[in-house]
Structure formats: structure tokens, C-alpha cells
Amino acid sequence: MSDKAIPTLQIDNDRVRVIEWRFAPGAATGWHKHDYDYVVVPMTTGQLKLKDAQGERYADLVAGVSYTRKAGVEHDVINPNKSEFVFVEIEMK
């Protein structure tokens, strides 16, 4: 069983929630559903393994290159890298 990724809540107000996620090698978020639209800002470069209803795939992320997703995404996110992976997630309420 994988270790859990470590979330650190930075901001949570009536408009946004900002969480820094730190993944040791092999760590995972666990299955979850996003209730809000969100932006991810990678702080490191590497791959993340994504598991969802369609199966498994890998996403290549580059430090500082953000992406956004709509509310409703359900998945598990795993760090397949040999080093720590970090990103900041910003949810728009």
C-alpha cells in the first residue's frame, strides 16, 4: 500500500482554497472528487500517475506550468517518480 500524499492547507476563505501537496515516491492522494473548479501549479517537474474511471494514465508536469480542470473530476493521483513531487492546488469556490 502506498503512503499518503501530505496536504498543507495554506488558504481557505469564502473564495478560494489553496493546498500544497507533497508526495514522497509512491505516495497517493487516495480516491477523491473535486467539488470546485481548480488550478494546479506544479512546483517540480516529473510525471504523475492518474487513476480514474477510464483506467490509468500518466501526466507530464513541468514546474511553473499550470493547468486547470472543472469540478467533478474523480481520481487518485500517485507519484511514480524516484523523488518527491510537489504541487499547489487552488480551488475556486
PDB file of N, CA and C in Angstrom:
ATOM      1  N   MET A   1       0.840  -1.182   0.000  1.00  0.00           N
ATOM      2  CA  MET A   1       0.000   0.000   0.000  1.00  0.00           C
ATOM      3  C   MET A   1       0.884   1.244   0.000  1.00  0.00           C
ATOM      4  N   SER A   2       0.489   2.231  -0.768  1.00  0.00           N
ATOM      5  CA  SER A   2       1.269   3.468  -0.883  1.00  0.00           C
ATOM      6  C   SER A   2       1.074   4.362   0.324  1.00  0.00           C
ATOM      7  N   ASP A   3       2.082   5.181   0.580  1.00  0.00           N
ATOM      8  CA  ASP A   3       1.946   6.216   1.584  1.00  0.00           C
ATOM      9  C   ASP A   3       0.964   7.256   1.079  1.00  0.00           C
ATOM     10  N   LYS A   4       0.447   8.043   1.985  1.00  0.00           N
ATOM     11  CA  LYS A   4      -0.462   9.119   1.619  1.00  0.00           C
ATOM     12  C   LYS A   4       0.326  10.388   1.310  1.00  0.00           C
ATOM     13  N   ALA A   5      -0.124  11.092   0.287  1.00  0.00           N
ATOM     14  CA  ALA A   5       0.432  12.412  -0.007  1.00  0.00           C
ATOM     15  C   ALA A   5       0.073  13.333   1.164  1.00  0.00           C
ATOM     16  N   ILE A   6       0.890  14.350   1.390  1.00  0.00           N
ATOM     17  CA  ILE A   6       0.687  15.245   2.536  1.00  0.00           C
ATOM     18  C   ILE A   6       0.152  16.585   2.068  1.00  0.00           C
ATOM     19  N   PRO A   7      -1.114  16.898   2.433  1.00  0.00           N
ATOM     20  CA  PRO A   7      -1.685  18.202   2.084  1.00  0.00           C
ATOM     21  C   PRO A   7      -1.420  19.213   3.199  1.00  0.00           C
ATOM     22  N   THR A   8      -1.044  20.433   2.803  1.00  0.00           N
ATOM     23  CA  THR A   8      -0.888  21.525   3.767  1.00  0.00           C
ATOM     24  C   THR A   8      -1.804  22.657   3.319  1.00  0.00           C
ATOM     25  N   LEU A   9      -2.833  22.916   4.111  1.00  0.00           N
ATOM     26  CA  LEU A   9      -3.772  23.979   3.799  1.00  0.00           C
ATOM     27  C   LEU A   9      -3.095  25.326   4.005  1.00  0.00           C
ATOM     28  N   GLN A  10      -3.066  26.146   2.969  1.00  0.00           N
ATOM     29  CA  GLN A  10      -2.435  27.462   3.052  1.00  0.00           C
ATOM     30  C   GLN A  10      -3.474  28.575   3.182  1.00  0.00           C
ATOM     31  N   ILE A  11      -4.575  28.471   2.427  1.00  0.00           N
ATOM     32  CA  ILE A  11      -5.639  29.478   2.465  1.00  0.00           C
ATOM     33  C   ILE A  11      -6.964  28.750   2.320  1.00  0.00           C
ATOM     34  N   ASP A  12      -7.955  29.148   3.114  1.00  0.00           N
ATOM     35  CA  ASP A  12      -9.313  28.626   2.956  1.00  0.00           C
ATOM     36  C   ASP A  12     -10.266  29.726   3.392  1.00  0.00           C
ATOM     37  N   ASN A  13     -10.819  30.436   2.392  1.00  0.00           N
ATOM     38  CA  ASN A  13     -11.758  31.504   2.700  1.00  0.00           C
ATOM     39  C   ASN A  13     -13.010  31.336   1.846  1.00  0.00           C
ATOM     40  N   ASP A  14     -13.832  32.360   1.754  1.00  0.00           N
ATOM     41  CA  ASP A  14     -15.086  32.226   1.014  1.00  0.00           C
ATOM     42  C   ASP A  14     -14.893  32.166  -0.498  1.00  0.00           C
ATOM     43  N   ARG A  15     -13.712  32.472  -1.005  1.00  0.00           N
ATOM     44  CA  ARG A  15     -13.470  32.496  -2.458  1.00  0.00           C
ATOM     45  C   ARG A  15     -12.569  31.401  -2.979  1.00  0.00           C
ATOM     46  N   VAL A  16     -11.518  31.045  -2.211  1.00  0.00           N
ATOM     47  CA  VAL A  16     -10.544  30.050  -2.685  1.00  0.00           C
ATOM     48  C   VAL A  16     -10.073  29.140  -1.551  1.00  0.00           C
ATOM     49  N   ARG A  17      -9.576  27.978  -1.956  1.00  0.00           N
ATOM     50  CA  ARG A  17      -8.857  27.075  -1.050  1.00  0.00           C
ATOM     51  C   ARG A  17      -7.537  26.758  -1.745  1.00  0.00           C
ATOM     52  N   VAL A  18      -6.422  26.951  -1.039  1.00  0.00           N
ATOM     53  CA  VAL A  18      -5.089  26.689  -1.589  1.00  0.00           C
ATOM     54  C   VAL A  18      -4.429  25.620  -0.722  1.00  0.00           C
ATOM     55  N   ILE A  19      -4.014  24.541  -1.380  1.00  0.00           N
ATOM     56  CA  ILE A  19      -3.380  23.429  -0.677  1.00  0.00           C
ATOM     57  C   ILE A  19      -2.071  23.075  -1.379  1.00  0.00           C
ATOM     58  N   GLU A  20      -1.009  22.966  -0.596  1.00  0.00           N
ATOM     59  CA  GLU A  20       0.250  22.437  -1.117  1.00  0.00           C
ATOM     60  C   GLU A  20       0.224  20.921  -0.895  1.00  0.00           C
ATOM     61  N   TRP A  21       0.483  20.160  -1.955  1.00  0.00           N
ATOM     62  CA  TRP A  21       0.533  18.703  -1.879  1.00  0.00           C
ATOM     63  C   TRP A  21       1.975  18.239  -2.046  1.00  0.00           C
ATOM     64  N   ARG A  22       2.450  17.416  -1.103  1.00  0.00           N
ATOM     65  CA  ARG A  22       3.783  16.831  -1.166  1.00  0.00           C
ATOM     66  C   ARG A  22       3.645  15.313  -1.219  1.00  0.00           C
ATOM     67  N   PHE A  23       4.258  14.742  -2.265  1.00  0.00           N
ATOM     68  CA  PHE A  23       4.193  13.306  -2.497  1.00  0.00           C
ATOM     69  C   PHE A  23       5.584  12.701  -2.379  1.00  0.00           C
ATOM     70  N   ALA A  24       5.795  11.845  -1.408  1.00  0.00           N
ATOM     71  CA  ALA A  24       7.014  11.038  -1.385  1.00  0.00           C
ATOM     72  C   ALA A  24       6.916  10.063  -2.561  1.00  0.00           C
ATOM     73  N   PRO A  25       8.016   9.449  -2.977  1.00  0.00           N
ATOM     74  CA  PRO A  25       7.925   8.449  -4.042  1.00  0.00           C
ATOM     75  C   PRO A  25       6.879   7.378  -3.687  1.00  0.00           C
ATOM     76  N   GLY A  26       5.960   7.131  -4.608  1.00  0.00           N
ATOM     77  CA  GLY A  26       4.909   6.135  -4.387  1.00  0.00           C
ATOM     78  C   GLY A  26       3.693   6.625  -3.635  1.00  0.00           C
ATOM     79  N   ALA A  27       3.735   7.827  -3.080  1.00  0.00           N
ATOM     80  CA  ALA A  27       2.606   8.347  -2.301  1.00  0.00           C
ATOM     81  C   ALA A  27       1.429   8.690  -3.210  1.00  0.00           C
ATOM     82  N   ALA A  28       0.226   8.639  -2.630  1.00  0.00           N
ATOM     83  CA  ALA A  28      -1.003   8.886  -3.384  1.00  0.00           C
ATOM     84  C   ALA A  28      -1.970   9.745  -2.584  1.00  0.00           C
ATOM     85  N   THR A  29      -2.854  10.424  -3.297  1.00  0.00           N
ATOM     86  CA  THR A  29      -3.893  11.214  -2.625  1.00  0.00           C
ATOM     87  C   THR A  29      -4.994  10.322  -2.081  1.00  0.00           C
ATOM     88  N   GLY A  30      -5.222   9.171  -2.727  1.00  0.00           N
ATOM     89  CA  GLY A  30      -6.416   8.376  -2.455  1.00  0.00           C
ATOM     90  C   GLY A  30      -7.536   8.892  -3.359  1.00  0.00           C
ATOM     91  N   TRP A  31      -8.532   8.056  -3.601  1.00  0.00           N
ATOM     92  CA  TRP A  31      -9.649   8.451  -4.476  1.00  0.00           C
ATOM     93  C   TRP A  31     -10.375   9.636  -3.882  1.00  0.00           C
ATOM     94  N   HIS A  32     -10.670  10.610  -4.721  1.00  0.00           N
ATOM     95  CA  HIS A  32     -11.397  11.794  -4.269  1.00  0.00           C
ATOM     96  C   HIS A  32     -12.102  12.455  -5.448  1.00  0.00           C
ATOM     97  N   LYS A  33     -13.091  13.286  -5.132  1.00  0.00           N
ATOM     98  CA  LYS A  33     -13.833  14.037  -6.147  1.00  0.00           C
ATOM     99  C   LYS A  33     -13.643  15.524  -5.879  1.00  0.00           C
ATOM    100  N   HIS A  34     -13.393  16.272  -6.943  1.00  0.00           N
ATOM    101  CA  HIS A  34     -13.222  17.720  -6.826  1.00  0.00           C
ATOM    102  C   HIS A  34     -14.588  18.408  -6.886  1.00  0.00           C
ATOM    103  N   ASP A  35     -14.915  19.122  -5.826  1.00  0.00           N
ATOM    104  CA  ASP A  35     -16.202  19.820  -5.744  1.00  0.00           C
ATOM    105  C   ASP A  35     -16.164  21.189  -6.414  1.00  0.00           C
ATOM    106  N   TYR A  36     -14.964  21.681  -6.703  1.00  0.00           N
ATOM    107  CA  TYR A  36     -14.792  23.016  -7.290  1.00  0.00           C
ATOM    108  C   TYR A  36     -13.886  22.946  -8.520  1.00  0.00           C
ATOM    109  N   ASP A  37     -14.024  23.924  -9.421  1.00  0.00           N
ATOM    110  CA  ASP A  37     -13.025  24.112 -10.470  1.00  0.00           C
ATOM    111  C   ASP A  37     -11.686  24.361  -9.770  1.00  0.00           C
ATOM    112  N   TYR A  38     -10.584  23.930 -10.410  1.00  0.00           N
ATOM    113  CA  TYR A  38      -9.300  24.106  -9.740  1.00  0.00           C
ATOM    114  C   TYR A  38      -8.165  24.317 -10.733  1.00  0.00           C
ATOM    115  N   VAL A  39      -7.084  24.882 -10.199  1.00  0.00           N
ATOM    116  CA  VAL A  39      -5.842  25.099 -10.934  1.00  0.00           C
ATOM    117  C   VAL A  39      -4.744  24.368 -10.168  1.00  0.00           C
ATOM    118  N   VAL A  40      -3.859  23.677 -10.912  1.00  0.00           N
ATOM    119  CA  VAL A  40      -2.697  23.027 -10.313  1.00  0.00           C
ATOM    120  C   VAL A  40      -1.447  23.745 -10.813  1.00  0.00           C
ATOM    121  N   VAL A  41      -0.582  24.114  -9.860  1.00  0.00           N
ATOM    122  CA  VAL A  41       0.692  24.751 -10.171  1.00  0.00           C
ATOM    123  C   VAL A  41       1.801  23.793  -9.734  1.00  0.00           C
ATOM    124  N   PRO A  42       2.410  23.056 -10.669  1.00  0.00           N
ATOM    125  CA  PRO A  42       3.497  22.151 -10.296  1.00  0.00           C
ATOM    126  C   PRO A  42       4.704  22.940  -9.776  1.00  0.00           C
ATOM    127  N   MET A  43       5.280  22.451  -8.709  1.00  0.00           N
ATOM    128  CA  MET A  43       6.477  23.066  -8.144  1.00  0.00           C
ATOM    129  C   MET A  43       7.723  22.266  -8.527  1.00  0.00           C
ATOM    130  N   THR A  44       7.507  21.054  -9.024  1.00  0.00           N
ATOM    131  CA  THR A  44       8.587  20.195  -9.503  1.00  0.00           C
ATOM    132  C   THR A  44       8.211  19.671 -10.893  1.00  0.00           C
ATOM    133  N   THR A  45       9.182  19.144 -11.593  1.00  0.00           N
ATOM    134  CA  THR A  45       8.963  18.579 -12.921  1.00  0.00           C
ATOM    135  C   THR A  45       9.018  17.059 -12.814  1.00  0.00           C
ATOM    136  N   GLY A  46       8.089  16.387 -13.477  1.00  0.00           N
ATOM    137  CA  GLY A  46       8.057  14.934 -13.469  1.00  0.00           C
ATOM    138  C   GLY A  46       6.711  14.433 -13.934  1.00  0.00           C
ATOM    139  N   GLN A  47       6.437  13.182 -13.651  1.00  0.00           N
ATOM    140  CA  GLN A  47       5.171  12.579 -14.028  1.00  0.00           C
ATOM    141  C   GLN A  47       4.316  12.342 -12.806  1.00  0.00           C
ATOM    142  N   LEU A  48       3.005  12.347 -13.025  1.00  0.00           N
ATOM    143  CA  LEU A  48       2.064  11.861 -12.034  1.00  0.00           C
ATOM    144  C   LEU A  48       1.232  10.772 -12.698  1.00  0.00           C
ATOM    145  N   LYS A  49       0.956   9.731 -11.951  1.00  0.00           N
ATOM    146  CA  LYS A  49       0.091   8.652 -12.428  1.00  0.00           C
ATOM    147  C   LYS A  49      -1.327   8.968 -11.968  1.00  0.00           C
ATOM    148  N   LEU A  50      -2.263   8.932 -12.892  1.00  0.00           N
ATOM    149  CA  LEU A  50      -3.657   9.247 -12.597  1.00  0.00           C
ATOM    150  C   LEU A  50      -4.505   8.007 -12.807  1.00  0.00           C
ATOM    151  N   LYS A  51      -5.311   7.666 -11.817  1.00  0.00           N
ATOM    152  CA  LYS A  51      -6.269   6.573 -11.936  1.00  0.00           C
ATOM    153  C   LYS A  51      -7.659   7.176 -11.875  1.00  0.00           C
ATOM    154  N   ASP A  52      -8.494   6.830 -12.862  1.00  0.00           N
ATOM    155  CA  ASP A  52      -9.878   7.293 -12.857  1.00  0.00           C
ATOM    156  C   ASP A  52     -10.757   6.190 -13.436  1.00  0.00           C
ATOM    157  N   ALA A  53     -12.021   6.504 -13.682  1.00  0.00           N
ATOM    158  CA  ALA A  53     -12.965   5.502 -14.186  1.00  0.00           C
ATOM    159  C   ALA A  53     -12.538   4.922 -15.531  1.00  0.00           C
ATOM    160  N   GLN A  54     -11.735   5.663 -16.297  1.00  0.00           N
ATOM    161  CA  GLN A  54     -11.268   5.194 -17.605  1.00  0.00           C
ATOM    162  C   GLN A  54      -9.996   4.344 -17.517  1.00  0.00           C
ATOM    163  N   GLY A  55      -9.396   4.264 -16.348  1.00  0.00           N
ATOM    164  CA  GLY A  55      -8.178   3.469 -16.194  1.00  0.00           C
ATOM    165  C   GLY A  55      -7.032   4.285 -15.645  1.00  0.00           C
ATOM    166  N   GLU A  56      -5.820   3.966 -16.089  1.00  0.00           N
ATOM    167  CA  GLU A  56      -4.611   4.646 -15.628  1.00  0.00           C
ATOM    168  C   GLU A  56      -3.943   5.362 -16.787  1.00  0.00           C
ATOM    169  N   ARG A  57      -3.344   6.513 -16.478  1.00  0.00           N
ATOM    170  CA  ARG A  57      -2.555   7.234 -17.470  1.00  0.00           C
ATOM    171  C   ARG A  57      -1.515   8.056 -16.717  1.00  0.00           C
ATOM    172  N   TYR A  58      -0.566   8.583 -17.473  1.00  0.00           N
ATOM    173  CA  TYR A  58       0.490   9.404 -16.890  1.00  0.00           C
ATOM    174  C   TYR A  58       0.395  10.814 -17.447  1.00  0.00           C
ATOM    175  N   ALA A  59       0.629  11.793 -16.576  1.00  0.00           N
ATOM    176  CA  ALA A  59       0.656  13.194 -16.985  1.00  0.00           C
ATOM    177  C   ALA A  59       2.062  13.721 -16.755  1.00  0.00           C
ATOM    178  N   ASP A  60       2.622  14.374 -17.767  1.00  0.00           N
ATOM    179  CA  ASP A  60       3.932  15.013 -17.646  1.00  0.00           C
ATOM    180  C   ASP A  60       3.717  16.443 -17.192  1.00  0.00           C
ATOM    181  N   LEU A  61       4.278  16.798 -16.038  1.00  0.00           N
ATOM    182  CA  LEU A  61       4.132  18.139 -15.495  1.00  0.00           C
ATOM    183  C   LEU A  61       5.488  18.824 -15.453  1.00  0.00           C
ATOM    184  N   VAL A  62       5.465  20.138 -15.654  1.00  0.00           N
ATOM    185  CA  VAL A  62       6.677  20.952 -15.650  1.00  0.00           C
ATOM    186  C   VAL A  62       6.517  22.028 -14.583  1.00  0.00           C
ATOM    187  N   ALA A  63       7.537  22.199 -13.764  1.00  0.00           N
ATOM    188  CA  ALA A  63       7.497  23.203 -12.694  1.00  0.00           C
ATOM    189  C   ALA A  63       7.098  24.559 -13.258  1.00  0.00           C
ATOM    190  N   GLY A  64       6.088  25.173 -12.636  1.00  0.00           N
ATOM    191  CA  GLY A  64       5.644  26.509 -13.026  1.00  0.00           C
ATOM    192  C   GLY A  64       4.652  26.547 -14.173  1.00  0.00           C
ATOM    193  N   VAL A  65       4.364  25.406 -14.812  1.00  0.00           N
ATOM    194  CA  VAL A  65       3.416  25.372 -15.924  1.00  0.00           C
ATOM    195  C   VAL A  65       2.073  24.856 -15.396  1.00  0.00           C
ATOM    196  N   SER A  66       1.133  25.769 -15.173  1.00  0.00           N
ATOM    197  CA  SER A  66      -0.152  25.466 -14.548  1.00  0.00           C
ATOM    198  C   SER A  66      -1.138  24.846 -15.525  1.00  0.00           C
ATOM    199  N   TYR A  67      -2.136  24.162 -14.974  1.00  0.00           N
ATOM    200  CA  TYR A  67      -3.264  23.680 -15.765  1.00  0.00           C
ATOM    201  C   TYR A  67      -4.518  23.749 -14.903  1.00  0.00           C
ATOM    202  N   THR A  68      -5.678  23.695 -15.549  1.00  0.00           N
ATOM    203  CA  THR A  68      -6.944  23.812 -14.837  1.00  0.00           C
ATOM    204  C   THR A  68      -7.875  22.666 -15.206  1.00  0.00           C
ATOM    205  N   ARG A  69      -8.769  22.341 -14.290  1.00  0.00           N
ATOM    206  CA  ARG A  69      -9.787  21.316 -14.508  1.00  0.00           C
ATOM    207  C   ARG A  69     -11.109  21.811 -13.915  1.00  0.00           C
ATOM    208  N   LYS A  70     -12.198  21.287 -14.448  1.00  0.00           N
ATOM    209  CA  LYS A  70     -13.538  21.622 -13.962  1.00  0.00           C
ATOM    210  C   LYS A  70     -13.901  20.768 -12.750  1.00  0.00           C
ATOM    211  N   ALA A  71     -14.848  21.243 -11.969  1.00  0.00           N
ATOM    212  CA  ALA A  71     -15.380  20.486 -10.836  1.00  0.00           C
ATOM    213  C   ALA A  71     -15.925  19.151 -11.332  1.00  0.00           C
ATOM    214  N   GLY A  72     -15.909  18.152 -10.468  1.00  0.00           N
ATOM    215  CA  GLY A  72     -16.462  16.847 -10.802  1.00  0.00           C
ATOM    216  C   GLY A  72     -15.434  15.785 -11.107  1.00  0.00           C
ATOM    217  N   VAL A  73     -14.180  16.172 -11.294  1.00  0.00           N
ATOM    218  CA  VAL A  73     -13.123  15.192 -11.574  1.00  0.00           C
ATOM    219  C   VAL A  73     -13.012  14.234 -10.378  1.00  0.00           C
ATOM    220  N   GLU A  74     -13.003  12.927 -10.662  1.00  0.00           N
ATOM    221  CA  GLU A  74     -12.800  11.900  -9.637  1.00  0.00           C
ATOM    222  C   GLU A  74     -11.586  11.077 -10.022  1.00  0.00           C
ATOM    223  N   HIS A  75     -10.618  10.989  -9.106  1.00  0.00           N
ATOM    224  CA  HIS A  75      -9.396  10.253  -9.427  1.00  0.00           C
ATOM    225  C   HIS A  75      -8.553  10.000  -8.193  1.00  0.00           C
ATOM    226  N   ASP A  76      -7.496   9.229  -8.404  1.00  0.00           N
ATOM    227  CA  ASP A  76      -6.421   9.045  -7.434  1.00  0.00           C
ATOM    228  C   ASP A  76      -5.163   9.518  -8.145  1.00  0.00           C
ATOM    229  N   VAL A  77      -4.297  10.230  -7.438  1.00  0.00           N
ATOM    230  CA  VAL A  77      -3.064  10.773  -8.014  1.00  0.00           C
ATOM    231  C   VAL A  77      -1.889  10.148  -7.270  1.00  0.00           C
ATOM    232  N   ILE A  78      -0.950   9.562  -8.022  1.00  0.00           N
ATOM    233  CA  ILE A  78       0.178   8.838  -7.441  1.00  0.00           C
ATOM    234  C   ILE A  78       1.489   9.390  -7.999  1.00  0.00           C
ATOM    235  N   ASN A  79       2.506   9.473  -7.141  1.00  0.00           N
ATOM    236  CA  ASN A  79       3.840   9.903  -7.570  1.00  0.00           C
ATOM    237  C   ASN A  79       4.666   8.676  -7.968  1.00  0.00           C
ATOM    238  N   PRO A  80       4.889   8.443  -9.275  1.00  0.00           N
ATOM    239  CA  PRO A  80       5.698   7.306  -9.700  1.00  0.00           C
ATOM    240  C   PRO A  80       7.198   7.621  -9.775  1.00  0.00           C
ATOM    241  N   ASN A  81       7.569   8.865  -9.462  1.00  0.00           N
ATOM    242  CA  ASN A  81       8.964   9.302  -9.561  1.00  0.00           C
ATOM    243  C   ASN A  81       9.799   8.739  -8.414  1.00  0.00           C
ATOM    244  N   LYS A  82      11.108   8.794  -8.567  1.00  0.00           N
ATOM    245  CA  LYS A  82      12.026   8.327  -7.523  1.00  0.00           C
ATOM    246  C   LYS A  82      12.349   9.417  -6.513  1.00  0.00           C
ATOM    247  N   SER A  83      11.776  10.614  -6.727  1.00  0.00           N
ATOM    248  CA  SER A  83      11.988  11.722  -5.800  1.00  0.00           C
ATOM    249  C   SER A  83      10.638  12.362  -5.474  1.00  0.00           C
ATOM    250  N   GLU A  84      10.651  13.235  -4.491  1.00  0.00           N
ATOM    251  CA  GLU A  84       9.431  13.924  -4.061  1.00  0.00           C
ATOM    252  C   GLU A  84       8.827  14.732  -5.210  1.00  0.00           C
ATOM    253  N   PHE A  85       7.500  14.791  -5.244  1.00  0.00           N
ATOM    254  CA  PHE A  85       6.789  15.639  -6.204  1.00  0.00           C
ATOM    255  C   PHE A  85       5.896  16.578  -5.419  1.00  0.00           C
ATOM    256  N   VAL A  86       5.876  17.860  -5.844  1.00  0.00           N
ATOM    257  CA  VAL A  86       5.115  18.883  -5.116  1.00  0.00           C
ATOM    258  C   VAL A  86       4.296  19.705  -6.096  1.00  0.00           C
ATOM    259  N   PHE A  87       3.037  19.967  -5.743  1.00  0.00           N
ATOM    260  CA  PHE A  87       2.253  20.946  -6.490  1.00  0.00           C
ATOM    261  C   PHE A  87       1.349  21.713  -5.551  1.00  0.00           C
ATOM    262  N   VAL A  88       0.905  22.870  -6.013  1.00  0.00           N
ATOM    263  CA  VAL A  88      -0.057  23.688  -5.286  1.00  0.00           C
ATOM    264  C   VAL A  88      -1.382  23.610  -6.041  1.00  0.00           C
ATOM    265  N   GLU A  89      -2.452  23.326  -5.317  1.00  0.00           N
ATOM    266  CA  GLU A  89      -3.793  23.234  -5.901  1.00  0.00           C
ATOM    267  C   GLU A  89      -4.615  24.409  -5.392  1.00  0.00           C
ATOM    268  N   ILE A  90      -5.244  25.120  -6.330  1.00  0.00           N
ATOM    269  CA  ILE A  90      -6.061  26.273  -5.994  1.00  0.00           C
ATOM    270  C   ILE A  90      -7.481  25.985  -6.443  1.00  0.00           C
ATOM    271  N   GLU A  91      -8.404  25.857  -5.493  1.00  0.00           N
ATOM    272  CA  GLU A  91      -9.807  25.599  -5.804  1.00  0.00           C
ATOM    273  C   GLU A  91     -10.581  26.908  -5.757  1.00  0.00           C
ATOM    274  N   MET A  92     -11.394  27.160  -6.795  1.00  0.00           N
ATOM    275  CA  MET A  92     -12.232  28.367  -6.853  1.00  0.00           C
ATOM    276  C   MET A  92     -13.626  28.009  -6.362  1.00  0.00           C
ATOM    277  N   LYS A  93     -14.015  28.590  -5.253  1.00  0.00           N
ATOM    278  CA  LYS A  93     -15.325  28.279  -4.660  1.00  0.00           C
ATOM    279  C   LYS A  93     -16.430  29.082  -5.340  1.00  0.00           C
TER     280      LYS A  93
END
